[in-house]
Amino acid sequence: MNHLLIIGYVWVEPNSSAAGTRMLQLIELFLQQNYKITFASPSLKGEKAFDLSSIGVNEETIELNNSSFDDFIQKLNPTTVLFDRFMMEEQFGWRVAENCPKALRVLDTEDLHFLRKTRHNKLKRNEIFTNESLLTSDDAKREIASILRCDLSIIISLYEMKLLIDVFKIDKELLYHLPFLLPKIDRYVIENWKPYEKRKDFVFIGNFFHAPNVDAVLQLKSIWKDIRKKLPEVEVHIYGAYATQQINQLHKPKEGFIVKGFAKNALEVVNKARVILVPLRFGAGIKGKLTEAMICGTPSVTTKIGAEGMHGNLPWNGFIEDDLDQFLKKAIELYTNEKLWKSFQTNGIDIINSIYDKDKISQPFIYQIKILQKNIVDHRNKNFLGNLLQHQTLQATKYMSKWIEEKNK
């Protein structure tokens, strides 16, 4: 029986973040393939964590810089190890390679962290972002090294696939594009959507541990008075887990700017709204809030970074606008133009059914996993840079970790 070990950066919280939803999608995919699954994490489990044991997944707590993990993985002896973000590969990758050398090592990047961080740094300095600025990033060097050490890295965005291949010259054989795994939007789903006239208000939803979401709400606040002048009866509702004091202080009911906090059911919230507003200025990956909007038949106004890598060559389910003055005008236009609203709603159906259909994209990925498991020795021999980095990591990270372990004693 195939046994998958997932080393989680955090415990799975599908109602809090797109990353949590994504991880649960991967778990369900491997369960459908009759994998035995163990999910292990060094992080503390929060109250919003999903009970993985309820779907047959074994949960384990592991420690950083502790040789107890060596005994744990030797006894477990998984056929595949999935690292949840590159930080977990840095911490545990060398231990997996040393104790379970035959196990397939897969990195789920979630999004390219170095891309998001570099964009954020450039924005704070009021500098223009270029791909060349990524080449000098220490975060990029860490994450790219992790990608090279693994047998396969799952990349969620088409934009990021192109970036890794064209700018960083990563071998295509080490990468696999796998976006969100979503059910098709069929006529039964569409029949349950609220019509235009029964929807009201704008909505934003996002985890506030995530810096791009905090910045986006601040952008939204800066243009809200101008939107409210044109639409005096309309409100914007701000949802998201882990709202900071900075976000909560924006709550102004008299101005129609309502901070609602954590949404137990994001789809229910988005299904009631007429338009979702997502003025992201930095970030990476693909945005769960925007796929949720399409699933609910809710058109959106977002930025180029918001829509980046999400829709291929298909028209967006709303407006893409970076300029804030134009952004607010497009928000008003979309909110008030029913004909336009309905046409954008149809665009969302096309995007989900063409790019995110889990029945269509799941099997090729599983097939690739099986091929790599069969040909792992040959695959690794072709990845000389990965072997080199793995060797250097074993020499450096291994002894640093052992030093920390002794120091902790």
Protein backbone atom coordinates (compact mmCIF):
# COMPACT_ATOMS: atom_id res chain seq x y z
CA MET A 1 0.00 0.00 0.00
CA ASN A 2 1.28 3.47 -0.89
CA HIS A 3 1.89 5.56 2.21
CA LEU A 4 2.04 9.36 2.00
CA LEU A 5 3.65 11.41 4.75
CA ILE A 6 2.75 15.09 4.65
CA ILE A 7 5.00 17.38 6.68
CA GLY A 8 2.82 20.40 7.34
CA TYR A 9 4.06 23.91 7.98
CA VAL A 10 0.80 24.43 9.87
CA TRP A 11 -2.23 22.27 10.63
CA VAL A 12 -4.91 22.27 7.97
CA GLU A 13 -7.44 25.12 8.30
CA PRO A 14 -9.59 25.07 5.12
CA ASN A 15 -12.00 27.71 6.45
CA SER A 16 -9.18 30.14 7.28
CA SER A 17 -7.01 30.22 4.17
CA ALA A 18 -6.66 29.14 0.56
CA ALA A 19 -3.53 27.22 1.59
CA GLY A 20 -5.62 25.15 4.00
CA THR A 21 -8.25 24.48 1.34
CA ARG A 22 -5.52 23.51 -1.11
CA MET A 23 -3.92 21.05 1.31
CA LEU A 24 -7.27 19.39 2.01
CA GLN A 25 -7.80 19.03 -1.76
CA LEU A 26 -4.46 17.20 -2.09
CA ILE A 27 -5.25 14.96 0.89
CA GLU A 28 -8.62 14.01 -0.59
CA LEU A 29 -7.00 13.30 -3.96
CA PHE A 30 -4.47 10.86 -2.45
CA LEU A 31 -7.18 9.24 -0.30
CA GLN A 32 -9.15 8.57 -3.50
CA GLN A 33 -6.07 6.74 -4.80
CA ASN A 34 -6.15 4.49 -1.69
CA TYR A 35 -3.07 6.02 -0.11
CA LYS A 36 -2.54 5.63 3.60
CA ILE A 37 -1.83 9.18 4.81
CA THR A 38 0.00 10.54 7.85
CA PHE A 39 -0.04 14.29 8.44
CA ALA A 40 2.74 15.50 10.75
CA SER A 41 3.55 19.04 11.83
CA PRO A 42 5.83 20.80 14.35
CA SER A 43 3.33 23.66 14.77
CA LEU A 44 0.73 24.10 17.48
CA LYS A 45 -2.78 23.10 16.46
CA GLY A 46 -5.28 25.96 16.55
CA GLU A 47 -8.99 25.76 17.31
CA LYS A 48 -9.84 26.22 13.61
CA ALA A 49 -7.82 23.15 12.55
CA PHE A 50 -9.66 20.50 10.53
CA ASP A 51 -9.97 17.10 12.21
CA LEU A 52 -8.04 14.99 9.69
CA SER A 53 -8.67 11.82 11.68
CA SER A 54 -12.35 12.18 10.74
CA ILE A 55 -11.44 11.34 7.12
CA GLY A 56 -9.00 8.56 7.99
CA VAL A 57 -5.74 10.51 8.13
CA ASN A 58 -3.31 9.79 10.98
CA GLU A 59 -2.11 12.94 12.79
CA GLU A 60 1.32 13.19 14.43
CA THR A 61 3.24 15.95 16.16
CA ILE A 62 6.94 16.19 15.29
CA GLU A 63 9.79 18.34 16.61
CA LEU A 64 12.25 20.59 14.82
CA ASN A 65 15.94 19.79 15.21
CA ASN A 66 15.29 16.53 17.00
CA SER A 67 16.53 13.08 16.04
CA SER A 68 13.22 11.61 17.23
CA PHE A 69 12.03 12.37 13.69
CA ASP A 70 14.61 9.87 12.36
CA ASP A 71 13.06 7.05 14.39
CA PHE A 72 9.56 8.25 13.45
CA ILE A 73 10.14 8.18 9.69
CA GLN A 74 12.09 4.91 9.71
CA LYS A 75 9.15 3.17 11.40
CA LEU A 76 6.64 4.91 9.13
CA ASN A 77 8.66 4.11 5.97
CA PRO A 78 6.49 6.17 3.57
CA THR A 79 6.63 5.70 -0.19
CA THR A 80 6.07 9.44 -0.76
CA VAL A 81 6.82 12.50 1.38
CA LEU A 82 5.06 15.79 0.64
CA PHE A 83 6.64 18.93 2.10
CA ASP A 84 4.16 21.73 2.79
CA ARG A 85 6.20 24.75 1.65
CA PHE A 86 9.96 24.94 1.26
CA MET A 87 10.60 25.71 4.94
CA MET A 88 9.57 22.16 5.85
CA GLU A 89 11.85 20.71 3.19
CA GLU A 90 14.74 22.75 4.61
CA GLN A 91 14.08 21.41 8.10
CA PHE A 92 13.23 17.78 7.34
CA GLY A 93 14.34 17.10 3.76
CA TRP A 94 17.82 15.89 4.66
CA ARG A 95 16.42 13.59 7.35
CA VAL A 96 13.96 12.08 4.85
CA ALA A 97 16.75 11.59 2.29
CA GLU A 98 19.01 9.95 4.86
CA ASN A 99 16.45 7.69 6.57
CA CYS A 100 14.08 6.90 3.66
CA PRO A 101 16.21 7.32 0.52
CA LYS A 102 13.72 5.50 -1.71
CA ALA A 103 10.77 7.72 -0.77
CA LEU A 104 9.62 10.14 -3.47
CA ARG A 105 10.15 13.71 -2.25
CA VAL A 106 7.48 16.19 -3.41
CA LEU A 107 7.37 19.90 -2.58
CA ASP A 108 4.02 21.69 -2.51
CA THR A 109 5.10 25.30 -2.92
CA GLU A 110 1.58 26.74 -2.26
CA ASP A 111 2.92 29.87 -3.95
CA LEU A 112 6.44 31.15 -4.57
CA HIS A 113 7.22 32.83 -1.26
CA PHE A 114 10.24 34.69 -2.64
CA LEU A 115 8.07 36.27 -5.36
CA ARG A 116 5.57 37.58 -2.81
CA LYS A 117 8.32 38.83 -0.46
CA THR A 118 10.31 40.58 -3.19
CA ARG A 119 7.20 42.33 -4.49
CA HIS A 120 6.35 43.44 -0.97
CA ASN A 121 9.85 44.79 -0.36
CA LYS A 122 9.81 46.71 -3.64
CA LEU A 123 6.42 48.20 -2.80
CA LYS A 124 7.60 49.34 0.65
CA ARG A 125 10.61 51.04 -0.95
CA ASN A 126 8.48 52.52 -3.74
CA GLU A 127 10.65 50.72 -6.30
CA ILE A 128 9.62 49.01 -9.53
CA PHE A 129 9.53 45.22 -9.41
CA THR A 130 11.41 43.35 -12.14
CA ASN A 131 12.27 39.69 -12.62
CA GLU A 132 15.94 40.65 -12.32
CA SER A 133 15.35 41.73 -8.73
CA LEU A 134 14.41 38.13 -7.92
CA LEU A 135 17.85 36.87 -8.93
CA THR A 136 19.52 38.67 -6.04
CA SER A 137 16.96 37.58 -3.44
CA ASP A 138 18.23 35.35 -0.61
CA ASP A 139 14.69 34.00 -0.25
CA ALA A 140 14.75 32.99 -3.91
CA LYS A 141 18.02 31.15 -3.43
CA ARG A 142 16.56 29.20 -0.50
CA GLU A 143 13.33 28.30 -2.26
CA ILE A 144 14.95 27.44 -5.60
CA ALA A 145 17.45 25.22 -3.76
CA SER A 146 14.54 23.40 -2.15
CA ILE A 147 12.86 22.91 -5.54
CA LEU A 148 16.08 21.47 -6.97
CA ARG A 149 16.54 19.05 -4.06
CA CYS A 150 13.06 17.58 -4.48
CA ASP A 151 11.99 15.02 -7.07
CA LEU A 152 8.96 17.08 -8.03
CA SER A 153 7.57 20.49 -7.08
CA ILE A 154 3.89 21.31 -7.40
CA ILE A 155 3.42 24.80 -8.83
CA ILE A 156 -0.02 26.32 -8.49
CA SER A 157 0.20 29.20 -10.99
CA LEU A 158 0.91 29.24 -14.72
CA TYR A 159 2.75 32.53 -14.20
CA GLU A 160 5.06 30.90 -11.66
CA MET A 161 5.71 27.93 -13.94
CA LYS A 162 6.87 30.30 -16.66
CA LEU A 163 8.96 32.29 -14.18
CA LEU A 164 10.80 29.21 -12.90
CA ILE A 165 11.49 27.87 -16.39
CA ASP A 166 12.36 31.13 -18.18
CA VAL A 167 14.10 33.15 -15.44
CA PHE A 168 15.58 30.47 -13.17
CA LYS A 169 16.11 27.83 -15.89
CA ILE A 170 14.57 25.03 -13.81
CA ASP A 171 14.22 21.72 -15.66
CA LYS A 172 10.56 21.15 -16.59
CA GLU A 173 10.89 17.56 -15.37
CA LEU A 174 11.15 18.87 -11.79
CA LEU A 175 7.95 20.93 -11.97
CA TYR A 176 4.25 20.13 -12.23
CA HIS A 177 1.49 22.70 -12.70
CA LEU A 178 -1.45 21.74 -10.51
CA PRO A 179 -3.94 24.53 -9.69
CA PHE A 180 -6.85 24.24 -7.27
CA LEU A 181 -8.84 21.02 -7.71
CA LEU A 182 -12.44 22.19 -8.01
CA PRO A 183 -15.73 20.58 -9.07
CA LYS A 184 -17.21 21.71 -12.38
CA ILE A 185 -19.90 24.35 -12.34
CA ASP A 186 -22.93 22.56 -13.79
CA ARG A 187 -26.52 23.70 -14.27
CA TYR A 188 -27.51 22.47 -10.80
CA VAL A 189 -24.90 24.76 -9.23
CA ILE A 190 -25.99 27.68 -11.41
CA GLU A 191 -29.67 27.16 -10.49
CA ASN A 192 -28.76 27.62 -6.80
CA TRP A 193 -27.00 30.94 -7.36
CA LYS A 194 -28.78 34.03 -6.12
CA PRO A 195 -29.78 36.24 -9.07
CA TYR A 196 -28.42 39.76 -9.55
CA GLU A 197 -31.46 41.50 -8.05
CA LYS A 198 -31.35 39.42 -4.84
CA ARG A 199 -27.70 40.15 -4.16
CA LYS A 200 -26.38 43.22 -2.42
CA ASP A 201 -23.17 44.81 -1.17
CA PHE A 202 -19.49 44.30 -1.90
CA VAL A 203 -17.33 41.77 -0.09
CA PHE A 204 -13.65 41.11 0.62
CA ILE A 205 -12.48 37.89 2.26
CA GLY A 206 -8.99 36.77 3.26
CA ASN A 207 -6.75 35.48 6.05
CA PHE A 208 -5.15 38.44 7.84
CA PHE A 209 -2.01 36.52 8.76
CA HIS A 210 -1.33 37.12 5.07
CA ALA A 211 0.23 40.58 4.54
CA PRO A 212 -1.20 41.11 0.99
CA ASN A 213 -4.73 40.84 2.42
CA VAL A 214 -4.08 43.47 5.09
CA ASP A 215 -2.70 45.84 2.45
CA ALA A 216 -5.64 45.16 0.12
CA VAL A 217 -8.19 46.12 2.81
CA LEU A 218 -6.27 49.34 3.49
CA GLN A 219 -6.43 50.10 -0.25
CA LEU A 220 -10.13 49.39 -0.21
CA LYS A 221 -10.65 51.71 2.74
CA SER A 222 -8.87 54.53 0.88
CA ILE A 223 -11.37 54.45 -2.01
CA TRP A 224 -14.51 53.48 -0.11
CA LYS A 225 -15.78 57.04 0.51
CA ASP A 226 -15.82 57.69 -3.24
CA ILE A 227 -17.69 54.44 -3.93
CA ARG A 228 -20.15 55.22 -1.11
CA LYS A 229 -20.91 58.67 -2.58
CA LYS A 230 -22.18 57.01 -5.74
CA LEU A 231 -23.82 54.08 -3.93
CA PRO A 232 -24.98 55.50 -0.57
CA GLU A 233 -27.06 52.45 0.43
CA VAL A 234 -24.34 49.91 -0.34
CA GLU A 235 -21.92 48.38 2.18
CA VAL A 236 -18.63 46.52 1.90
CA HIS A 237 -18.23 43.53 4.20
CA ILE A 238 -14.72 42.49 5.25
CA TYR A 239 -14.33 38.84 6.25
CA GLY A 240 -11.27 36.88 7.30
CA ALA A 241 -9.62 34.83 10.00
CA TYR A 242 -7.14 36.37 12.42
CA ALA A 243 -8.15 40.00 11.92
CA THR A 244 -5.56 42.34 13.42
CA GLN A 245 -6.26 45.41 15.51
CA GLN A 246 -5.35 47.48 12.47
CA ILE A 247 -8.15 45.79 10.50
CA ASN A 248 -10.71 45.89 13.32
CA GLN A 249 -10.18 49.63 13.74
CA LEU A 250 -11.44 50.15 10.18
CA HIS A 251 -14.92 49.01 11.22
CA LYS A 252 -17.21 52.00 10.53
CA PRO A 253 -20.86 50.88 10.28
CA LYS A 254 -22.15 54.42 9.63
CA GLU A 255 -19.85 54.63 6.61
CA GLY A 256 -20.88 51.20 5.35
CA PHE A 257 -17.42 49.71 5.95
CA ILE A 258 -18.20 46.60 8.01
CA VAL A 259 -15.50 44.32 9.46
CA LYS A 260 -17.24 40.98 10.00
CA GLY A 261 -14.30 38.78 11.02
CA PHE A 262 -14.05 35.02 10.51
CA ALA A 263 -16.53 33.43 8.10
CA LYS A 264 -17.45 29.84 8.94
CA ASN A 265 -18.75 29.37 5.42
CA ALA A 266 -16.96 31.56 2.86
CA LEU A 267 -19.05 30.34 -0.07
CA GLU A 268 -22.28 31.32 1.68
CA VAL A 269 -20.92 34.82 2.28
CA VAL A 270 -19.69 35.30 -1.29
CA ASN A 271 -22.92 33.90 -2.75
CA LYS A 272 -24.92 36.71 -1.11
CA ALA A 273 -22.64 39.51 -2.38
CA ARG A 274 -23.08 41.19 -5.74
CA VAL A 275 -19.38 41.93 -6.35
CA ILE A 276 -16.11 40.91 -4.69
CA LEU A 277 -13.37 43.56 -4.50
CA VAL A 278 -9.72 42.43 -4.32
CA PRO A 279 -7.25 45.33 -4.77
CA LEU A 280 -4.06 43.31 -4.21
CA ARG A 281 -0.80 45.20 -4.75
CA PHE A 282 1.55 42.30 -4.08
CA GLY A 283 1.33 38.55 -3.66
CA ALA A 284 1.90 35.31 -5.54
CA GLY A 285 0.18 32.06 -6.45
CA ILE A 286 -3.52 31.96 -7.22
CA LYS A 287 -6.17 33.50 -5.02
CA GLY A 288 -8.74 31.29 -3.33
CA LYS A 289 -11.09 34.23 -2.77
CA LEU A 290 -11.31 34.75 -6.53
CA THR A 291 -11.98 31.11 -7.41
CA GLU A 292 -14.59 31.08 -4.62
CA ALA A 293 -16.20 34.09 -6.30
CA MET A 294 -16.43 32.25 -9.61
CA ILE A 295 -17.86 29.14 -7.90
CA CYS A 296 -20.57 31.38 -6.41
CA GLY A 297 -21.24 33.25 -9.65
CA THR A 298 -19.95 36.49 -8.12
CA PRO A 299 -18.04 38.78 -10.53
CA SER A 300 -14.93 40.56 -9.25
CA VAL A 301 -12.80 43.64 -9.59
CA THR A 302 -9.14 42.93 -8.93
CA THR A 303 -5.62 43.87 -10.02
CA LYS A 304 -3.15 42.25 -12.43
CA ILE A 305 -1.47 40.52 -9.48
CA GLY A 306 -4.88 39.39 -8.22
CA ALA A 307 -5.74 37.67 -11.50
CA GLU A 308 -2.17 36.60 -12.30
CA GLY A 309 -1.77 33.02 -13.48
CA MET A 310 -5.44 32.24 -12.86
CA HIS A 311 -7.31 32.42 -16.15
CA GLY A 312 -4.93 31.49 -18.97
CA ASN A 313 -6.15 33.14 -22.19
CA LEU A 314 -9.77 33.24 -21.06
CA PRO A 315 -11.52 36.56 -20.32
CA TRP A 316 -11.71 37.45 -16.61
CA ASN A 317 -14.97 37.29 -14.65
CA GLY A 318 -14.94 41.03 -14.04
CA PHE A 319 -12.48 43.89 -14.32
CA ILE A 320 -8.68 43.87 -13.89
CA GLU A 321 -7.49 47.33 -12.91
CA ASP A 322 -4.38 48.54 -11.03
CA ASP A 323 -5.16 52.26 -10.91
CA LEU A 324 -7.26 52.96 -7.79
CA ASP A 325 -9.34 55.71 -9.42
CA GLN A 326 -10.24 53.35 -12.26
CA PHE A 327 -10.70 50.49 -9.80
CA LEU A 328 -13.45 52.32 -7.90
CA LYS A 329 -15.16 53.38 -11.17
CA LYS A 330 -15.14 49.78 -12.40
CA ALA A 331 -16.52 48.60 -9.06
CA ILE A 332 -19.47 51.00 -9.38
CA GLU A 333 -20.04 50.09 -13.03
CA LEU A 334 -20.04 46.36 -12.33
CA TYR A 335 -22.33 46.75 -9.32
CA THR A 336 -24.95 48.73 -11.26
CA ASN A 337 -24.85 47.14 -14.75
CA GLU A 338 -26.86 43.90 -14.69
CA LYS A 339 -26.12 42.96 -18.30
CA LEU A 340 -22.38 43.36 -17.80
CA TRP A 341 -22.58 41.52 -14.46
CA LYS A 342 -24.23 38.49 -16.07
CA SER A 343 -21.69 38.33 -18.91
CA PHE A 344 -18.81 38.34 -16.41
CA GLN A 345 -20.56 35.64 -14.40
CA THR A 346 -20.46 33.43 -17.51
CA ASN A 347 -16.72 34.09 -17.87
CA GLY A 348 -16.20 32.67 -14.37
CA ILE A 349 -17.97 29.44 -15.35
CA ASP A 350 -15.65 29.03 -18.35
CA ILE A 351 -12.52 29.61 -16.22
CA ILE A 352 -13.45 27.08 -13.51
CA ASN A 353 -14.57 24.40 -15.97
CA SER A 354 -11.58 24.82 -18.29
CA ILE A 355 -8.69 25.24 -15.84
CA TYR A 356 -9.72 23.91 -12.40
CA ASP A 357 -11.86 20.83 -13.19
CA LYS A 358 -10.54 18.30 -10.68
CA ASP A 359 -11.83 15.30 -12.64
CA LYS A 360 -9.77 16.41 -15.64
CA ILE A 361 -6.53 17.47 -13.98
CA SER A 362 -6.20 14.99 -11.09
CA GLN A 363 -5.43 11.81 -12.98
CA PRO A 364 -2.50 13.15 -15.06
CA PHE A 365 -0.87 14.30 -11.81
CA ILE A 366 -1.31 10.90 -10.14
CA TYR A 367 0.07 9.27 -13.28
CA GLN A 368 3.17 11.49 -13.05
CA ILE A 369 3.66 10.46 -9.40
CA LYS A 370 3.50 6.78 -10.40
CA ILE A 371 5.98 7.27 -13.26
CA LEU A 372 8.46 8.99 -10.92
CA GLN A 373 8.14 6.24 -8.33
CA LYS A 374 9.00 3.65 -10.98
CA ASN A 375 11.94 5.59 -12.40
CA ILE A 376 13.22 7.42 -9.33
CA VAL A 377 16.88 6.42 -9.69
CA ASP A 378 17.12 7.55 -13.32
CA HIS A 379 15.16 10.72 -12.54
CA ARG A 380 17.54 11.67 -9.73
CA ASN A 381 20.64 10.87 -11.75
CA LYS A 382 19.55 13.43 -14.33
CA ASN A 383 19.17 16.10 -11.64
CA PHE A 384 22.86 16.74 -10.92
CA LEU A 385 22.33 20.18 -9.36
CA GLY A 386 19.73 18.69 -7.04
CA ASN A 387 22.15 15.92 -6.02
CA LEU A 388 24.86 18.50 -5.43
CA LEU A 389 22.59 20.61 -3.23
CA GLN A 390 21.37 17.54 -1.35
CA HIS A 391 24.98 16.57 -0.66
CA GLN A 392 25.87 20.07 0.57
CA THR A 393 22.71 20.22 2.69
CA LEU A 394 23.57 16.94 4.36
CA GLN A 395 26.98 18.36 5.21
CA ALA A 396 25.77 21.77 6.41
CA THR A 397 22.15 21.65 7.60
CA LYS A 398 22.56 18.24 9.17
CA TYR A 399 25.33 19.34 11.50
CA MET A 400 23.71 22.67 12.26
CA SER A 401 20.54 20.80 13.25
CA LYS A 402 22.51 18.36 15.41
CA TRP A 403 24.30 21.27 17.08
CA ILE A 404 20.93 22.92 17.87
CA GLU A 405 19.64 19.60 19.23
CA GLU A 406 22.59 19.26 21.57
CA LYS A 407 22.30 22.90 22.61
CA ASN A 408 18.60 22.38 23.42
CA LYS A 409 19.49 19.48 25.69
